[in-house]
Amino acid sequence: MNTLLTFIRSRYPDQKQIALHEPRFRGNEKRYVNDAIDSTFVSSVGEYVTRFEAMLQDITGAHYAVAVVNGTAALHMALLLANVKPGDLVLTQALSFVATANAITHANAEPVFLDIEKNTLGLDPDSLQLFLNANAEKRNKACFDKATGRRYAACVPMHTFGHPCRIETVLDICDEYGIPVVEDAAEALGSLWHERHCGTFGFMGVLSFNGNKIITTGGGGAIITNDEAVAIRAKHLTTTAKKPHPWLFEHDEIAYNYRMPNLNAALGCAQLEQLDGFIENKRVLAKEYSAFCVAEGLQFMEEPIGAYANYWLNSIFTKDRKDRDTFLALSNEQGIQTRPAWGLLPKQPMYTQCQCAPIPIALDVTERLVNIPSSVR
């Protein structure tokens, strides 16, 4: 593994401390942010919010985009818009950032954890099919748990580290059972599955623009959809359900203060202008990592067949947990930031009582996967 660390240093020769993934501000960021400040429209009303949403529509091909404060808020709102109710069950994958399960819980529903595929790191359609065949029944165009009678209200597959999952197969299975699909595409801006943008397959998709994402607004997220009524309601509910009026403050339901501020959107517009170059840069880096790993007998996480990945985070697989931990310690001691996969969601103390299917692949991946530096160079 020392040779890999030497190789990583050669990719980032001017950096003593090499971050896992840090933002790059090489365009109009300062100009647009200063313009937003000069306009005095720095909160959720302003031209940059509108421009940012339009740019997301152009990039993803979605008919509508609604910008919000972060990816967790986007997923929470998308689940509410998908009619997830208190006490419902939501199917998702065992390997994901905790925000996926937290958003389900914020909607007063309960996550059900399924396995992932090794070649995509996303929700395994076979695990989904087997679980539903064994545990679910359809009644009145909806799907319910046989044992408890609770409704399976949604399915949330996640495109892990920017690698598209087999979303079409997931959709086919969920359509069979009458379960809406909300795509967690938080890490997959610019990633395509069969030439279609991640997040545009399901009823809705969500994106994240946190500081460590491929583009950042500092903190931010978005809901994308092709349904006009859903988009209108998303904007209404994320803007405190305020009825349009020049001066009166009238609100027609309990809602949320989730809209993205104009200041953040200004940063995001400048970042989106550079997205194509960022992705090209990161795909070149991934190709270099891949060639090195092949030569050294290491296992590198390649994009799935049929996918065009943004390679948000590059990943390698070690032989076992001991090798993983040795490499993590060695790399971080040398100022090269690496990290393991997230702790599995069903292993987190607040989710240990949730339903969980057999997850052998997720268990294996968390023992051996390491994310390595992936910033745009």
Protein backbone atom coordinates (compact mmCIF):
# COMPACT_ATOMS: atom_id res chain seq x y z
CA MET A 1 0.00 0.00 0.00
CA ASN A 2 2.98 2.34 0.33
CA THR A 3 3.21 2.43 -3.44
CA LEU A 4 -0.40 3.64 -3.60
CA LEU A 5 0.38 6.47 -1.19
CA THR A 6 3.34 7.49 -3.32
CA PHE A 7 1.07 7.43 -6.37
CA ILE A 8 -1.55 9.59 -4.63
CA ARG A 9 1.13 12.15 -3.72
CA SER A 10 2.18 12.26 -7.39
CA ARG A 11 -1.41 13.16 -8.35
CA TYR A 12 -1.47 16.10 -5.91
CA PRO A 13 2.19 17.23 -5.93
CA ASP A 14 1.59 20.74 -4.55
CA GLN A 15 -0.38 19.65 -1.49
CA LYS A 16 1.35 18.68 1.76
CA GLN A 17 -1.98 17.68 3.30
CA ILE A 18 -4.17 15.89 0.78
CA ALA A 19 -7.89 16.06 1.57
CA LEU A 20 -10.36 13.35 0.67
CA HIS A 21 -12.50 15.76 -1.30
CA GLU A 22 -12.31 19.53 -1.07
CA PRO A 23 -14.07 22.18 -3.17
CA ARG A 24 -12.44 24.10 -5.98
CA PHE A 25 -13.30 27.77 -6.54
CA ARG A 26 -11.83 28.68 -9.91
CA GLY A 27 -14.65 30.53 -11.64
CA ASN A 28 -17.14 33.29 -10.88
CA GLU A 29 -17.75 32.36 -7.25
CA LYS A 30 -16.52 35.60 -5.67
CA ARG A 31 -18.13 37.78 -8.34
CA TYR A 32 -21.55 36.16 -8.03
CA VAL A 33 -21.49 36.07 -4.21
CA ASN A 34 -20.44 39.72 -4.06
CA ASP A 35 -23.23 40.55 -6.52
CA ALA A 36 -25.75 38.79 -4.27
CA ILE A 37 -24.43 40.76 -1.27
CA ASP A 38 -24.63 44.04 -3.20
CA SER A 39 -28.22 43.24 -4.19
CA THR A 40 -29.10 42.82 -0.47
CA PHE A 41 -31.14 39.73 -1.49
CA VAL A 42 -29.12 37.20 0.47
CA SER A 43 -31.95 35.05 1.85
CA SER A 44 -34.40 32.78 0.00
CA VAL A 45 -35.58 35.40 -2.50
CA GLY A 46 -33.23 36.37 -5.30
CA GLU A 47 -32.32 35.87 -8.92
CA TYR A 48 -29.54 33.37 -8.21
CA VAL A 49 -31.97 30.87 -6.67
CA THR A 50 -34.06 30.96 -9.84
CA ARG A 51 -30.96 30.72 -12.03
CA PHE A 52 -29.56 27.83 -10.01
CA GLU A 53 -32.78 25.86 -10.36
CA ALA A 54 -32.88 26.49 -14.12
CA MET A 55 -29.28 25.31 -14.46
CA LEU A 56 -30.09 22.12 -12.56
CA GLN A 57 -32.99 21.48 -14.93
CA ASP A 58 -30.71 21.90 -17.94
CA ILE A 59 -28.02 19.63 -16.49
CA THR A 60 -30.28 16.82 -15.25
CA GLY A 61 -33.03 16.97 -17.85
CA ALA A 62 -35.62 17.22 -15.08
CA HIS A 63 -38.56 19.50 -15.85
CA TYR A 64 -38.45 21.10 -12.41
CA ALA A 65 -35.92 21.72 -9.66
CA VAL A 66 -36.57 23.16 -6.20
CA ALA A 67 -33.48 24.32 -4.29
CA VAL A 68 -33.41 23.78 -0.52
CA VAL A 69 -31.02 24.16 2.40
CA ASN A 70 -29.43 20.69 2.29
CA GLY A 71 -29.81 17.17 0.95
CA THR A 72 -31.45 15.85 4.12
CA ALA A 73 -34.16 18.49 3.89
CA ALA A 74 -34.62 17.63 0.21
CA LEU A 75 -35.14 13.94 1.00
CA HIS A 76 -37.42 14.70 3.96
CA MET A 77 -39.61 16.90 1.76
CA ALA A 78 -39.58 14.41 -1.13
CA LEU A 79 -40.83 11.66 1.19
CA LEU A 80 -43.66 13.88 2.44
CA LEU A 81 -44.55 14.72 -1.15
CA ALA A 82 -44.57 10.99 -1.93
CA ASN A 83 -47.31 10.71 0.75
CA VAL A 84 -45.20 8.93 3.38
CA LYS A 85 -47.24 8.98 6.59
CA PRO A 86 -46.40 8.42 10.28
CA GLY A 87 -45.92 4.72 10.99
CA ASP A 88 -45.19 3.81 7.37
CA LEU A 89 -42.23 1.68 6.28
CA VAL A 90 -39.65 2.93 3.74
CA LEU A 91 -37.31 0.52 1.97
CA THR A 92 -33.69 1.60 1.58
CA GLN A 93 -30.18 0.20 1.56
CA ALA A 94 -28.08 -0.75 4.56
CA LEU A 95 -25.01 1.11 3.25
CA SER A 96 -25.63 4.84 3.00
CA PHE A 97 -24.83 8.06 4.80
CA VAL A 98 -26.98 8.38 7.93
CA ALA A 99 -28.98 11.23 6.38
CA THR A 100 -30.87 8.71 4.24
CA ALA A 101 -32.32 6.96 7.28
CA ASN A 102 -32.65 10.19 9.26
CA ALA A 103 -34.83 11.78 6.57
CA ILE A 104 -37.12 8.74 6.69
CA THR A 105 -37.36 9.13 10.46
CA HIS A 106 -38.01 12.88 10.14
CA ALA A 107 -41.08 11.90 8.10
CA ASN A 108 -42.16 9.80 11.12
CA ALA A 109 -41.70 6.61 9.11
CA GLU A 110 -39.35 3.69 9.76
CA PRO A 111 -36.54 2.48 7.46
CA VAL A 112 -36.27 -1.12 6.32
CA PHE A 113 -32.72 -2.06 5.34
CA LEU A 114 -31.80 -4.18 2.31
CA ASP A 115 -28.51 -5.35 0.81
CA ILE A 116 -26.40 -3.64 -1.85
CA GLU A 117 -24.75 -4.88 -5.04
CA LYS A 118 -20.98 -5.14 -5.03
CA ASN A 119 -20.58 -3.79 -8.56
CA THR A 120 -22.72 -0.68 -7.97
CA LEU A 121 -22.69 -0.25 -4.15
CA GLY A 122 -26.36 0.68 -4.57
CA LEU A 123 -29.59 -1.07 -3.63
CA ASP A 124 -29.59 -4.69 -4.84
CA PRO A 125 -32.75 -5.36 -6.88
CA ASP A 126 -32.53 -9.06 -6.01
CA SER A 127 -32.56 -8.27 -2.30
CA LEU A 128 -35.53 -5.96 -2.86
CA GLN A 129 -37.43 -8.61 -4.85
CA LEU A 130 -36.76 -11.40 -2.35
CA PHE A 131 -37.77 -9.22 0.60
CA LEU A 132 -41.03 -8.08 -0.96
CA ASN A 133 -41.91 -11.58 -2.17
CA ALA A 134 -41.50 -12.88 1.38
CA ASN A 135 -42.96 -10.00 3.39
CA ALA A 136 -45.31 -7.86 1.31
CA GLU A 137 -48.82 -8.08 -0.07
CA LYS A 138 -50.73 -5.73 -2.35
CA ARG A 139 -54.11 -4.35 -1.29
CA ASN A 140 -56.03 -1.57 -3.02
CA LYS A 141 -53.05 -0.54 -5.20
CA ALA A 142 -50.82 -0.20 -2.12
CA CYS A 143 -48.31 -2.52 -0.47
CA PHE A 144 -48.40 -3.73 3.13
CA ASP A 145 -46.28 -5.82 5.47
CA LYS A 146 -47.93 -9.22 5.97
CA ALA A 147 -46.95 -9.49 9.62
CA THR A 148 -47.75 -6.00 10.91
CA GLY A 149 -50.10 -4.51 8.32
CA ARG A 150 -47.91 -1.43 8.03
CA ARG A 151 -47.66 0.18 4.60
CA TYR A 152 -44.52 0.13 2.49
CA ALA A 153 -44.86 3.77 1.45
CA ALA A 154 -41.68 4.39 -0.55
CA CYS A 155 -38.36 3.00 -1.67
CA VAL A 156 -35.16 5.07 -1.47
CA PRO A 157 -32.25 3.67 -3.49
CA MET A 158 -28.97 5.59 -3.26
CA HIS A 159 -26.37 6.16 -5.99
CA THR A 160 -23.32 5.52 -3.82
CA PHE A 161 -20.17 7.64 -4.28
CA GLY A 162 -21.59 8.78 -7.64
CA HIS A 163 -21.96 5.25 -9.08
CA PRO A 164 -25.47 4.70 -10.50
CA CYS A 165 -27.40 1.75 -9.11
CA ARG A 166 -29.62 -0.45 -11.30
CA ILE A 167 -32.43 2.03 -10.92
CA GLU A 168 -34.60 0.77 -13.79
CA THR A 169 -34.81 -2.71 -12.27
CA VAL A 170 -35.60 -1.22 -8.86
CA LEU A 171 -38.39 0.81 -10.49
CA ASP A 172 -39.84 -2.25 -12.22
CA ILE A 173 -40.02 -4.15 -8.92
CA CYS A 174 -41.51 -1.21 -7.04
CA ASP A 175 -44.07 -0.61 -9.81
CA GLU A 176 -45.14 -4.25 -9.47
CA TYR A 177 -45.87 -3.64 -5.78
CA GLY A 178 -47.22 -0.09 -6.07
CA ILE A 179 -44.35 1.53 -4.16
CA PRO A 180 -43.17 5.04 -5.18
CA VAL A 181 -39.42 5.46 -5.70
CA VAL A 182 -37.54 8.51 -4.41
CA GLU A 183 -33.94 8.49 -5.64
CA ASP A 184 -31.21 9.59 -3.26
CA ALA A 185 -28.87 11.08 -5.87
CA ALA A 186 -27.13 13.28 -3.30
CA GLU A 187 -23.70 12.15 -4.53
CA ALA A 188 -24.53 11.68 -8.19
CA LEU A 189 -24.78 15.09 -9.85
CA GLY A 190 -23.53 14.52 -13.40
CA SER A 191 -23.78 10.72 -13.19
CA LEU A 192 -25.79 8.92 -15.87
CA TRP A 193 -27.44 5.53 -16.10
CA HIS A 194 -27.93 4.48 -19.72
CA GLU A 195 -27.40 8.12 -20.72
CA ARG A 196 -30.10 9.44 -18.36
CA HIS A 197 -29.27 11.53 -15.31
CA CYS A 198 -29.50 9.91 -11.90
CA GLY A 199 -32.43 11.26 -9.90
CA THR A 200 -34.76 11.51 -12.91
CA PHE A 201 -36.02 7.92 -12.95
CA GLY A 202 -38.17 7.84 -9.83
CA PHE A 203 -41.17 9.88 -8.72
CA MET A 204 -38.62 12.39 -7.43
CA GLY A 205 -34.88 12.63 -6.97
CA VAL A 206 -32.79 14.58 -4.48
CA LEU A 207 -29.36 16.18 -4.79
CA SER A 208 -26.85 17.54 -2.27
CA PHE A 209 -24.37 20.42 -2.55
CA ASN A 210 -22.57 20.09 0.76
CA GLY A 211 -18.99 21.39 0.98
CA ASN A 212 -17.52 18.02 0.04
CA LYS A 213 -19.75 17.31 -2.99
CA ILE A 214 -18.70 17.58 -6.64
CA ILE A 215 -20.11 21.13 -6.66
CA THR A 216 -21.00 23.04 -3.53
CA THR A 217 -23.28 25.82 -2.38
CA GLY A 218 -21.73 25.63 1.10
CA GLY A 219 -24.82 23.80 2.28
CA GLY A 220 -27.67 23.00 -0.03
CA GLY A 221 -29.81 20.45 -1.79
CA ALA A 222 -32.53 20.15 -4.39
CA ILE A 223 -35.60 18.16 -5.31
CA ILE A 224 -35.92 17.30 -9.00
CA THR A 225 -39.08 16.01 -10.66
CA ASN A 226 -41.02 15.96 -13.92
CA ASP A 227 -44.35 16.52 -12.15
CA GLU A 228 -45.43 20.17 -12.19
CA ALA A 229 -47.93 19.78 -9.34
CA VAL A 230 -45.28 18.15 -7.15
CA ALA A 231 -42.79 20.93 -7.92
CA ILE A 232 -45.31 23.66 -7.09
CA ARG A 233 -46.18 21.98 -3.81
CA ALA A 234 -42.51 21.41 -2.98
CA LYS A 235 -41.79 25.10 -3.40
CA HIS A 236 -44.84 26.04 -1.32
CA LEU A 237 -44.06 23.67 1.54
CA THR A 238 -40.38 24.66 1.65
CA THR A 239 -41.33 28.35 1.83
CA THR A 240 -43.42 28.11 5.04
CA ALA A 241 -46.62 27.63 2.96
CA LYS A 242 -46.92 31.41 2.64
CA LYS A 243 -49.76 32.51 0.38
CA PRO A 244 -48.57 34.96 -2.33
CA HIS A 245 -49.28 38.56 -1.29
CA PRO A 246 -47.27 41.80 -1.48
CA TRP A 247 -47.36 42.39 2.28
CA LEU A 248 -49.64 40.03 4.22
CA PHE A 249 -48.22 37.00 6.03
CA GLU A 250 -50.83 34.30 5.57
CA HIS A 251 -49.94 30.62 5.66
CA ASP A 252 -52.37 27.86 4.70
CA GLU A 253 -50.72 24.86 6.44
CA ILE A 254 -47.89 23.81 8.74
CA ALA A 255 -44.78 23.81 6.55
CA TYR A 256 -40.98 24.24 6.54
CA ASN A 257 -38.42 26.99 6.15
CA TYR A 258 -36.25 24.94 3.78
CA ARG A 259 -35.60 27.20 0.77
CA MET A 260 -32.00 27.76 -0.34
CA PRO A 261 -30.70 31.30 0.33
CA ASN A 262 -29.73 33.44 -2.64
CA LEU A 263 -26.20 33.79 -1.27
CA ASN A 264 -25.67 30.02 -1.44
CA ALA A 265 -27.29 29.82 -4.86
CA ALA A 266 -24.88 32.47 -6.18
CA LEU A 267 -21.97 30.23 -5.20
CA GLY A 268 -23.78 27.27 -6.75
CA CYS A 269 -24.33 28.98 -10.11
CA ALA A 270 -20.60 29.63 -10.44
CA GLN A 271 -19.86 26.03 -9.47
CA LEU A 272 -22.37 24.57 -11.95
CA GLU A 273 -20.69 26.55 -14.74
CA GLN A 274 -17.61 24.37 -14.09
CA LEU A 275 -19.36 21.02 -13.60
CA ASP A 276 -18.41 19.49 -16.95
CA GLY A 277 -14.75 20.29 -16.36
CA PHE A 278 -14.88 18.96 -12.81
CA ILE A 279 -16.34 15.65 -14.00
CA GLU A 280 -13.83 15.31 -16.83
CA ASN A 281 -10.98 16.00 -14.38
CA LYS A 282 -12.29 13.44 -11.89
CA ARG A 283 -12.84 10.78 -14.55
CA VAL A 284 -9.24 11.20 -15.72
CA LEU A 285 -8.09 10.75 -12.11
CA ALA A 286 -10.25 7.62 -11.74
CA LYS A 287 -8.73 6.19 -14.94
CA GLU A 288 -5.24 6.81 -13.55
CA TYR A 289 -6.15 5.15 -10.24
CA SER A 290 -7.65 2.20 -12.10
CA ALA A 291 -4.55 1.64 -14.25
CA PHE A 292 -2.29 1.86 -11.20
CA CYS A 293 -4.42 -0.59 -9.21
CA VAL A 294 -4.47 -3.11 -12.06
CA ALA A 295 -0.68 -2.94 -12.30
CA GLU A 296 -0.29 -3.34 -8.53
CA GLY A 297 -2.88 -6.08 -8.10
CA LEU A 298 -5.25 -3.84 -6.12
CA GLN A 299 -9.03 -3.78 -6.49
CA PHE A 300 -10.44 -0.42 -7.63
CA MET A 301 -14.15 0.44 -7.72
CA GLU A 302 -15.00 0.86 -11.41
CA GLU A 303 -18.19 2.47 -12.69
CA PRO A 304 -20.90 -0.14 -13.41
CA ILE A 305 -21.48 -1.30 -16.98
CA GLY A 306 -24.05 1.04 -18.53
CA ALA A 307 -23.10 3.90 -16.23
CA TYR A 308 -21.28 7.19 -16.61
CA ALA A 309 -20.14 8.01 -13.08
CA ASN A 310 -18.95 11.34 -11.74
CA TYR A 311 -16.50 9.38 -9.52
CA TRP A 312 -17.32 11.67 -6.63
CA LEU A 313 -15.27 9.48 -4.31
CA ASN A 314 -12.80 6.90 -5.58
CA SER A 315 -12.67 3.62 -3.67
CA ILE A 316 -10.39 0.62 -3.31
CA PHE A 317 -10.99 -2.72 -1.59
CA THR A 318 -8.41 -4.14 0.79
CA LYS A 319 -7.96 -7.84 1.54
CA ASP A 320 -9.70 -7.68 4.93
CA ARG A 321 -10.54 -5.36 7.82
CA LYS A 322 -7.03 -5.62 9.28
CA ASP A 323 -5.46 -4.45 6.01
CA ARG A 324 -8.08 -1.72 5.76
CA ASP A 325 -7.33 -0.36 9.22
CA THR A 326 -3.57 -0.55 8.65
CA PHE A 327 -3.91 1.46 5.43
CA LEU A 328 -6.23 4.00 7.04
CA ALA A 329 -3.78 4.61 9.87
CA LEU A 330 -0.73 4.78 7.59
CA SER A 331 -2.29 7.14 5.04
CA ASN A 332 -3.75 9.57 7.58
CA GLU A 333 -0.46 9.63 9.53
CA GLN A 334 1.21 10.75 6.29
CA GLY A 335 -1.26 13.58 5.69
CA ILE A 336 -3.28 11.73 3.06
CA GLN A 337 -6.91 11.71 4.12
CA THR A 338 -8.67 8.39 3.54
CA ARG A 339 -11.75 6.97 5.18
CA PRO A 340 -13.72 3.73 5.42
CA ALA A 341 -17.27 3.26 4.21
CA TRP A 342 -19.96 4.62 6.52
CA GLY A 343 -21.00 2.47 9.45
CA LEU A 344 -23.94 0.35 8.31
CA LEU A 345 -27.27 1.97 9.09
CA PRO A 346 -28.83 -1.06 10.84
CA LYS A 347 -25.77 -1.10 13.13
CA GLN A 348 -26.38 2.48 14.32
CA PRO A 349 -27.92 2.43 17.82
CA MET A 350 -31.09 4.31 16.83
CA TYR A 351 -31.82 1.86 13.99
CA THR A 352 -30.94 -1.54 15.46
CA GLN A 353 -34.63 -2.39 16.03
CA CYS A 354 -35.61 -1.76 12.39
CA GLN A 355 -36.31 -4.55 9.94
CA CYS A 356 -33.19 -5.68 8.10
CA ALA A 357 -32.88 -8.29 5.34
CA PRO A 358 -29.74 -10.42 5.04
CA ILE A 359 -26.94 -8.02 4.03
CA PRO A 360 -23.80 -10.10 3.27
CA ILE A 361 -22.49 -7.74 0.57
CA ALA A 362 -22.95 -4.63 2.70
CA LEU A 363 -21.15 -6.33 5.58
CA ASP A 364 -18.23 -7.33 3.35
CA VAL A 365 -17.95 -3.89 1.72
CA THR A 366 -17.79 -2.08 5.05
CA GLU A 367 -14.99 -4.38 6.18
CA ARG A 368 -12.78 -3.70 3.14
CA LEU A 369 -13.67 -0.48 1.33
CA VAL A 370 -11.51 2.63 1.60
CA ASN A 371 -12.22 5.99 -0.04
CA ILE A 372 -9.09 7.66 -1.37
CA PRO A 373 -8.42 11.33 -2.33
CA SER A 374 -10.73 12.41 -5.14
CA SER A 375 -10.62 16.22 -5.32
CA VAL A 376 -10.50 17.96 -8.67
CA ARG A 377 -6.83 18.65 -9.40
